[in-house]
Amino acid sequence: MSFTVYILYSVAYNKHYTGFTSNLQERMKSHNELGHDWTKKYRPWQLIYERNFEDKAEAMQHEKWLKSGVGRDFIKTLQHPN
């Protein structure tokens, strides 16, 4: 099984969301169509980053790094859709 660490961007609210999943397509559907979590109020979300890992622990470590100060600086360098 592989795991994907991803970053979503809400153009309408200038917000980012970082997460990881074993099924990116279903997770995107959850963020944009289903669910009742924090992401619901900032729809629609666009995928601006994804990185795949074979190991769940590595994916979780990368997600944690993206949520750190250095990781947030990295996110600022990503191309954002208009």
PDB file of N, CA and C in Angstrom:
ATOM      1  N   MET A   1       0.851  -1.177   0.000  1.00  0.00           N
ATOM      2  CA  MET A   1       0.000   0.000   0.000  1.00  0.00           C
ATOM      3  C   MET A   1       0.896   1.239   0.000  1.00  0.00           C
ATOM      4  N   SER A   2       0.507   2.237  -0.755  1.00  0.00           N
ATOM      5  CA  SER A   2       1.266   3.497  -0.765  1.00  0.00           C
ATOM      6  C   SER A   2       0.433   4.594  -0.093  1.00  0.00           C
ATOM      7  N   PHE A   3       1.129   5.625   0.302  1.00  0.00           N
ATOM      8  CA  PHE A   3       0.508   6.748   0.998  1.00  0.00           C
ATOM      9  C   PHE A   3       0.924   8.038   0.313  1.00  0.00           C
ATOM     10  N   THR A   4      -0.010   8.975   0.249  1.00  0.00           N
ATOM     11  CA  THR A   4       0.245  10.252  -0.400  1.00  0.00           C
ATOM     12  C   THR A   4       0.106  11.373   0.617  1.00  0.00           C
ATOM     13  N   VAL A   5       1.130  12.202   0.689  1.00  0.00           N
ATOM     14  CA  VAL A   5       1.064  13.433   1.463  1.00  0.00           C
ATOM     15  C   VAL A   5       0.661  14.518   0.463  1.00  0.00           C
ATOM     16  N   TYR A   6      -0.294  15.340   0.837  1.00  0.00           N
ATOM     17  CA  TYR A   6      -0.831  16.315  -0.113  1.00  0.00           C
ATOM     18  C   TYR A   6      -1.057  17.663   0.556  1.00  0.00           C
ATOM     19  N   ILE A   7      -1.077  18.682  -0.291  1.00  0.00           N
ATOM     20  CA  ILE A   7      -1.409  20.029   0.161  1.00  0.00           C
ATOM     21  C   ILE A   7      -2.513  20.553  -0.745  1.00  0.00           C
ATOM     22  N   LEU A   8      -3.563  21.038  -0.126  1.00  0.00           N
ATOM     23  CA  LEU A   8      -4.674  21.636  -0.850  1.00  0.00           C
ATOM     24  C   LEU A   8      -4.633  23.143  -0.648  1.00  0.00           C
ATOM     25  N   TYR A   9      -5.205  23.850  -1.612  1.00  0.00           N
ATOM     26  CA  TYR A   9      -5.274  25.307  -1.523  1.00  0.00           C
ATOM     27  C   TYR A   9      -6.680  25.770  -1.864  1.00  0.00           C
ATOM     28  N   SER A  10      -7.199  26.669  -1.049  1.00  0.00           N
ATOM     29  CA  SER A  10      -8.493  27.290  -1.301  1.00  0.00           C
ATOM     30  C   SER A  10      -8.245  28.693  -1.833  1.00  0.00           C
ATOM     31  N   VAL A  11      -8.516  28.889  -3.117  1.00  0.00           N
ATOM     32  CA  VAL A  11      -8.333  30.199  -3.738  1.00  0.00           C
ATOM     33  C   VAL A  11      -9.254  31.220  -3.088  1.00  0.00           C
ATOM     34  N   ALA A  12     -10.490  30.829  -2.835  1.00  0.00           N
ATOM     35  CA  ALA A  12     -11.488  31.756  -2.304  1.00  0.00           C
ATOM     36  C   ALA A  12     -11.111  32.296  -0.923  1.00  0.00           C
ATOM     37  N   TYR A  13     -10.403  31.486  -0.119  1.00  0.00           N
ATOM     38  CA  TYR A  13     -10.095  31.887   1.257  1.00  0.00           C
ATOM     39  C   TYR A  13      -8.597  32.001   1.540  1.00  0.00           C
ATOM     40  N   ASN A  14      -7.759  31.742   0.518  1.00  0.00           N
ATOM     41  CA  ASN A  14      -6.306  31.790   0.684  1.00  0.00           C
ATOM     42  C   ASN A  14      -5.851  30.923   1.864  1.00  0.00           C
ATOM     43  N   LYS A  15      -6.354  29.692   1.910  1.00  0.00           N
ATOM     44  CA  LYS A  15      -6.041  28.747   2.988  1.00  0.00           C
ATOM     45  C   LYS A  15      -5.361  27.517   2.407  1.00  0.00           C
ATOM     46  N   HIS A  16      -4.495  26.893   3.219  1.00  0.00           N
ATOM     47  CA  HIS A  16      -3.844  25.639   2.872  1.00  0.00           C
ATOM     48  C   HIS A  16      -4.322  24.550   3.829  1.00  0.00           C
ATOM     49  N   TYR A  17      -4.309  23.328   3.335  1.00  0.00           N
ATOM     50  CA  TYR A  17      -4.581  22.166   4.174  1.00  0.00           C
ATOM     51  C   TYR A  17      -3.583  21.084   3.799  1.00  0.00           C
ATOM     52  N   THR A  18      -2.929  20.519   4.794  1.00  0.00           N
ATOM     53  CA  THR A  18      -1.944  19.463   4.578  1.00  0.00           C
ATOM     54  C   THR A  18      -2.435  18.186   5.227  1.00  0.00           C
ATOM     55  N   GLY A  19      -2.328  17.072   4.493  1.00  0.00           N
ATOM     56  CA  GLY A  19      -2.751  15.801   5.044  1.00  0.00           C
ATOM     57  C   GLY A  19      -2.067  14.644   4.346  1.00  0.00           C
ATOM     58  N   PHE A  20      -2.426  13.418   4.762  1.00  0.00           N
ATOM     59  CA  PHE A  20      -1.941  12.242   4.058  1.00  0.00           C
ATOM     60  C   PHE A  20      -3.055  11.215   3.992  1.00  0.00           C
ATOM     61  N   THR A  21      -2.973  10.343   2.986  1.00  0.00           N
ATOM     62  CA  THR A  21      -4.031   9.376   2.744  1.00  0.00           C
ATOM     63  C   THR A  21      -3.480   8.199   1.952  1.00  0.00           C
ATOM     64  N   SER A  22      -4.235   7.110   1.958  1.00  0.00           N
ATOM     65  CA  SER A  22      -3.887   5.967   1.111  1.00  0.00           C
ATOM     66  C   SER A  22      -4.717   5.977  -0.174  1.00  0.00           C
ATOM     67  N   ASN A  23      -5.656   6.938  -0.294  1.00  0.00           N
ATOM     68  CA  ASN A  23      -6.486   7.033  -1.489  1.00  0.00           C
ATOM     69  C   ASN A  23      -6.778   8.512  -1.769  1.00  0.00           C
ATOM     70  N   LEU A  24      -5.916   9.134  -2.546  1.00  0.00           N
ATOM     71  CA  LEU A  24      -6.027  10.576  -2.776  1.00  0.00           C
ATOM     72  C   LEU A  24      -7.322  10.961  -3.485  1.00  0.00           C
ATOM     73  N   GLN A  25      -7.736  10.177  -4.447  1.00  0.00           N
ATOM     74  CA  GLN A  25      -8.964  10.499  -5.184  1.00  0.00           C
ATOM     75  C   GLN A  25     -10.170  10.553  -4.244  1.00  0.00           C
ATOM     76  N   GLU A  26     -10.305   9.570  -3.378  1.00  0.00           N
ATOM     77  CA  GLU A  26     -11.428   9.567  -2.432  1.00  0.00           C
ATOM     78  C   GLU A  26     -11.295  10.679  -1.399  1.00  0.00           C
ATOM     79  N   ARG A  27     -10.067  10.969  -1.004  1.00  0.00           N
ATOM     80  CA  ARG A  27      -9.855  12.030  -0.019  1.00  0.00           C
ATOM     81  C   ARG A  27     -10.208  13.395  -0.610  1.00  0.00           C
ATOM     82  N   MET A  28      -9.873  13.612  -1.872  1.00  0.00           N
ATOM     83  CA  MET A  28     -10.252  14.863  -2.535  1.00  0.00           C
ATOM     84  C   MET A  28     -11.772  14.986  -2.600  1.00  0.00           C
ATOM     85  N   LYS A  29     -12.433  13.888  -2.910  1.00  0.00           N
ATOM     86  CA  LYS A  29     -13.896  13.893  -2.941  1.00  0.00           C
ATOM     87  C   LYS A  29     -14.449  14.249  -1.565  1.00  0.00           C
ATOM     88  N   SER A  30     -13.842  13.689  -0.535  1.00  0.00           N
ATOM     89  CA  SER A  30     -14.285  13.984   0.827  1.00  0.00           C
ATOM     90  C   SER A  30     -14.132  15.465   1.156  1.00  0.00           C
ATOM     91  N   HIS A  31     -13.000  16.040   0.801  1.00  0.00           N
ATOM     92  CA  HIS A  31     -12.771  17.452   1.094  1.00  0.00           C
ATOM     93  C   HIS A  31     -13.706  18.367   0.309  1.00  0.00           C
ATOM     94  N   ASN A  32     -13.998  18.023  -0.934  1.00  0.00           N
ATOM     95  CA  ASN A  32     -14.764  18.927  -1.797  1.00  0.00           C
ATOM     96  C   ASN A  32     -16.255  18.635  -1.881  1.00  0.00           C
ATOM     97  N   GLU A  33     -16.683  17.434  -1.517  1.00  0.00           N
ATOM     98  CA  GLU A  33     -18.097  17.086  -1.684  1.00  0.00           C
ATOM     99  C   GLU A  33     -18.753  16.524  -0.431  1.00  0.00           C
ATOM    100  N   LEU A  34     -18.018  15.778   0.355  1.00  0.00           N
ATOM    101  CA  LEU A  34     -18.586  15.099   1.515  1.00  0.00           C
ATOM    102  C   LEU A  34     -18.093  15.755   2.791  1.00  0.00           C
ATOM    103  N   GLY A  35     -18.098  15.012   3.839  1.00  0.00           N
ATOM    104  CA  GLY A  35     -17.438  15.414   5.077  1.00  0.00           C
ATOM    105  C   GLY A  35     -18.012  16.631   5.771  1.00  0.00           C
ATOM    106  N   HIS A  36     -17.660  16.705   7.036  1.00  0.00           N
ATOM    107  CA  HIS A  36     -18.117  17.828   7.860  1.00  0.00           C
ATOM    108  C   HIS A  36     -16.974  18.370   8.703  1.00  0.00           C
ATOM    109  N   ASP A  37     -15.762  18.207   8.209  1.00  0.00           N
ATOM    110  CA  ASP A  37     -14.610  18.650   8.978  1.00  0.00           C
ATOM    111  C   ASP A  37     -14.276  20.108   8.666  1.00  0.00           C
ATOM    112  N   TRP A  38     -13.159  20.554   9.174  1.00  0.00           N
ATOM    113  CA  TRP A  38     -12.713  21.939   9.035  1.00  0.00           C
ATOM    114  C   TRP A  38     -12.656  22.382   7.579  1.00  0.00           C
ATOM    115  N   THR A  39     -12.329  21.452   6.678  1.00  0.00           N
ATOM    116  CA  THR A  39     -12.138  21.824   5.277  1.00  0.00           C
ATOM    117  C   THR A  39     -13.433  22.188   4.553  1.00  0.00           C
ATOM    118  N   LYS A  40     -14.556  21.786   5.083  1.00  0.00           N
ATOM    119  CA  LYS A  40     -15.839  22.010   4.394  1.00  0.00           C
ATOM    120  C   LYS A  40     -16.101  23.498   4.124  1.00  0.00           C
ATOM    121  N   LYS A  41     -15.785  24.336   5.076  1.00  0.00           N
ATOM    122  CA  LYS A  41     -16.131  25.761   4.921  1.00  0.00           C
ATOM    123  C   LYS A  41     -15.216  26.529   3.973  1.00  0.00           C
ATOM    124  N   TYR A  42     -14.118  25.894   3.530  1.00  0.00           N
ATOM    125  CA  TYR A  42     -13.177  26.586   2.648  1.00  0.00           C
ATOM    126  C   TYR A  42     -13.186  26.038   1.221  1.00  0.00           C
ATOM    127  N   ARG A  43     -14.220  25.336   0.851  1.00  0.00           N
ATOM    128  CA  ARG A  43     -14.336  24.771  -0.498  1.00  0.00           C
ATOM    129  C   ARG A  43     -14.464  25.863  -1.543  1.00  0.00           C
ATOM    130  N   PRO A  44     -14.053  25.587  -2.760  1.00  0.00           N
ATOM    131  CA  PRO A  44     -13.444  24.361  -3.278  1.00  0.00           C
ATOM    132  C   PRO A  44     -11.936  24.338  -3.036  1.00  0.00           C
ATOM    133  N   TRP A  45     -11.399  23.131  -2.923  1.00  0.00           N
ATOM    134  CA  TRP A  45      -9.975  22.903  -2.725  1.00  0.00           C
ATOM    135  C   TRP A  45      -9.329  22.459  -4.017  1.00  0.00           C
ATOM    136  N   GLN A  46      -8.110  22.920  -4.227  1.00  0.00           N
ATOM    137  CA  GLN A  46      -7.321  22.498  -5.385  1.00  0.00           C
ATOM    138  C   GLN A  46      -6.037  21.861  -4.881  1.00  0.00           C
ATOM    139  N   LEU A  47      -5.653  20.772  -5.495  1.00  0.00           N
ATOM    140  CA  LEU A  47      -4.430  20.072  -5.135  1.00  0.00           C
ATOM    141  C   LEU A  47      -3.236  20.843  -5.701  1.00  0.00           C
ATOM    142  N   ILE A  48      -2.297  21.245  -4.821  1.00  0.00           N
ATOM    143  CA  ILE A  48      -1.116  21.973  -5.297  1.00  0.00           C
ATOM    144  C   ILE A  48       0.180  21.198  -5.049  1.00  0.00           C
ATOM    145  N   TYR A  49       0.099  20.077  -4.311  1.00  0.00           N
ATOM    146  CA  TYR A  49       1.305  19.303  -4.015  1.00  0.00           C
ATOM    147  C   TYR A  49       0.908  17.887  -3.641  1.00  0.00           C
ATOM    148  N   GLU A  50       1.673  16.931  -4.122  1.00  0.00           N
ATOM    149  CA  GLU A  50       1.514  15.556  -3.675  1.00  0.00           C
ATOM    150  C   GLU A  50       2.848  14.838  -3.761  1.00  0.00           C
ATOM    151  N   ARG A  51       3.079  13.976  -2.789  1.00  0.00           N
ATOM    152  CA  ARG A  51       4.291  13.159  -2.772  1.00  0.00           C
ATOM    153  C   ARG A  51       3.926  11.789  -2.222  1.00  0.00           C
ATOM    154  N   ASN A  52       4.352  10.751  -2.925  1.00  0.00           N
ATOM    155  CA  ASN A  52       3.999   9.384  -2.565  1.00  0.00           C
ATOM    156  C   ASN A  52       5.092   8.711  -1.757  1.00  0.00           C
ATOM    157  N   PHE A  53       4.662   7.863  -0.837  1.00  0.00           N
ATOM    158  CA  PHE A  53       5.552   7.095   0.028  1.00  0.00           C
ATOM    159  C   PHE A  53       5.045   5.660   0.098  1.00  0.00           C
ATOM    160  N   GLU A  54       5.955   4.721   0.198  1.00  0.00           N
ATOM    161  CA  GLU A  54       5.590   3.319   0.380  1.00  0.00           C
ATOM    162  C   GLU A  54       5.362   3.001   1.852  1.00  0.00           C
ATOM    163  N   ASP A  55       5.939   3.800   2.731  1.00  0.00           N
ATOM    164  CA  ASP A  55       5.896   3.548   4.163  1.00  0.00           C
ATOM    165  C   ASP A  55       5.032   4.597   4.864  1.00  0.00           C
ATOM    166  N   LYS A  56       4.073   4.141   5.658  1.00  0.00           N
ATOM    167  CA  LYS A  56       3.166   5.060   6.347  1.00  0.00           C
ATOM    168  C   LYS A  56       3.918   5.988   7.302  1.00  0.00           C
ATOM    169  N   ALA A  57       4.893   5.447   8.011  1.00  0.00           N
ATOM    170  CA  ALA A  57       5.651   6.269   8.964  1.00  0.00           C
ATOM    171  C   ALA A  57       6.405   7.387   8.250  1.00  0.00           C
ATOM    172  N   GLU A  58       6.953   7.103   7.072  1.00  0.00           N
ATOM    173  CA  GLU A  58       7.645   8.148   6.302  1.00  0.00           C
ATOM    174  C   GLU A  58       6.671   9.225   5.851  1.00  0.00           C
ATOM    175  N   ALA A  59       5.481   8.812   5.422  1.00  0.00           N
ATOM    176  CA  ALA A  59       4.461   9.783   5.010  1.00  0.00           C
ATOM    177  C   ALA A  59       4.068  10.676   6.176  1.00  0.00           C
ATOM    178  N   MET A  60       3.870  10.072   7.332  1.00  0.00           N
ATOM    179  CA  MET A  60       3.498  10.849   8.510  1.00  0.00           C
ATOM    180  C   MET A  60       4.618  11.813   8.911  1.00  0.00           C
ATOM    181  N   GLN A  61       5.863  11.375   8.779  1.00  0.00           N
ATOM    182  CA  GLN A  61       7.000  12.232   9.096  1.00  0.00           C
ATOM    183  C   GLN A  61       7.061  13.421   8.130  1.00  0.00           C
ATOM    184  N   HIS A  62       6.800  13.174   6.846  1.00  0.00           N
ATOM    185  CA  HIS A  62       6.826  14.264   5.867  1.00  0.00           C
ATOM    186  C   HIS A  62       5.675  15.241   6.124  1.00  0.00           C
ATOM    187  N   GLU A  63       4.499  14.723   6.438  1.00  0.00           N
ATOM    188  CA  GLU A  63       3.372  15.605   6.768  1.00  0.00           C
ATOM    189  C   GLU A  63       3.726  16.478   7.974  1.00  0.00           C
ATOM    190  N   LYS A  64       4.331  15.884   8.985  1.00  0.00           N
ATOM    191  CA  LYS A  64       4.734  16.638  10.176  1.00  0.00           C
ATOM    192  C   LYS A  64       5.737  17.727   9.804  1.00  0.00           C
ATOM    193  N   TRP A  65       6.685  17.408   8.920  1.00  0.00           N
ATOM    194  CA  TRP A  65       7.665  18.402   8.479  1.00  0.00           C
ATOM    195  C   TRP A  65       6.970  19.559   7.758  1.00  0.00           C
ATOM    196  N   LEU A  66       5.995  19.228   6.887  1.00  0.00           N
ATOM    197  CA  LEU A  66       5.286  20.291   6.157  1.00  0.00           C
ATOM    198  C   LEU A  66       4.536  21.223   7.097  1.00  0.00           C
ATOM    199  N   LYS A  67       4.143  20.725   8.260  1.00  0.00           N
ATOM    200  CA  LYS A  67       3.416  21.541   9.229  1.00  0.00           C
ATOM    201  C   LYS A  67       4.353  22.300  10.170  1.00  0.00           C
ATOM    202  N   SER A  68       5.663  22.080  10.016  1.00  0.00           N
ATOM    203  CA  SER A  68       6.649  22.805  10.827  1.00  0.00           C
ATOM    204  C   SER A  68       6.912  24.175  10.202  1.00  0.00           C
ATOM    205  N   GLY A  69       7.684  24.995  10.868  1.00  0.00           N
ATOM    206  CA  GLY A  69       8.015  26.315  10.330  1.00  0.00           C
ATOM    207  C   GLY A  69       8.722  26.227   8.993  1.00  0.00           C
ATOM    208  N   VAL A  70       9.709  25.334   8.874  1.00  0.00           N
ATOM    209  CA  VAL A  70      10.436  25.159   7.619  1.00  0.00           C
ATOM    210  C   VAL A  70       9.495  24.650   6.533  1.00  0.00           C
ATOM    211  N   GLY A  71       8.623  23.724   6.886  1.00  0.00           N
ATOM    212  CA  GLY A  71       7.661  23.186   5.928  1.00  0.00           C
ATOM    213  C   GLY A  71       6.681  24.251   5.449  1.00  0.00           C
ATOM    214  N   ARG A  72       6.227  25.083   6.354  1.00  0.00           N
ATOM    215  CA  ARG A  72       5.311  26.164   5.957  1.00  0.00           C
ATOM    216  C   ARG A  72       6.008  27.144   5.018  1.00  0.00           C
ATOM    217  N   ASP A  73       7.299  27.380   5.254  1.00  0.00           N
ATOM    218  CA  ASP A  73       8.064  28.219   4.324  1.00  0.00           C
ATOM    219  C   ASP A  73       8.132  27.563   2.946  1.00  0.00           C
ATOM    220  N   PHE A  74       8.315  26.249   2.920  1.00  0.00           N
ATOM    221  CA  PHE A  74       8.320  25.510   1.652  1.00  0.00           C
ATOM    222  C   PHE A  74       6.974  25.667   0.935  1.00  0.00           C
ATOM    223  N   ILE A  75       5.892  25.547   1.665  1.00  0.00           N
ATOM    224  CA  ILE A  75       4.552  25.660   1.076  1.00  0.00           C
ATOM    225  C   ILE A  75       4.372  27.022   0.410  1.00  0.00           C
ATOM    226  N   LYS A  76       4.935  28.056   0.989  1.00  0.00           N
ATOM    227  CA  LYS A  76       4.831  29.401   0.408  1.00  0.00           C
ATOM    228  C   LYS A  76       5.502  29.504  -0.950  1.00  0.00           C
ATOM    229  N   THR A  77       6.459  28.602  -1.240  1.00  0.00           N
ATOM    230  CA  THR A  77       7.157  28.631  -2.518  1.00  0.00           C
ATOM    231  C   THR A  77       6.388  27.912  -3.621  1.00  0.00           C
ATOM    232  N   LEU A  78       5.352  27.181  -3.260  1.00  0.00           N
ATOM    233  CA  LEU A  78       4.597  26.420  -4.265  1.00  0.00           C
ATOM    234  C   LEU A  78       3.762  27.347  -5.145  1.00  0.00           C
ATOM    235  N   GLN A  79       3.590  26.934  -6.374  1.00  0.00           N
ATOM    236  CA  GLN A  79       2.755  27.688  -7.318  1.00  0.00           C
ATOM    237  C   GLN A  79       1.293  27.568  -6.895  1.00  0.00           C
ATOM    238  N   HIS A  80       0.639  28.673  -6.715  1.00  0.00           N
ATOM    239  CA  HIS A  80      -0.779  28.678  -6.331  1.00  0.00           C
ATOM    240  C   HIS A  80      -1.630  29.001  -7.560  1.00  0.00           C
ATOM    241  N   PRO A  81      -2.727  28.282  -7.714  1.00  0.00           N
ATOM    242  CA  PRO A  81      -3.629  28.599  -8.828  1.00  0.00           C
ATOM    243  C   PRO A  81      -4.314  29.944  -8.582  1.00  0.00           C
ATOM    244  N   ASN A  82      -4.681  30.578  -9.649  1.00  0.00           N
ATOM    245  CA  ASN A  82      -5.368  31.886  -9.533  1.00  0.00           C
ATOM    246  C   ASN A  82      -6.851  31.730  -9.598  1.00  0.00           C
TER     247      ASN A  82
END
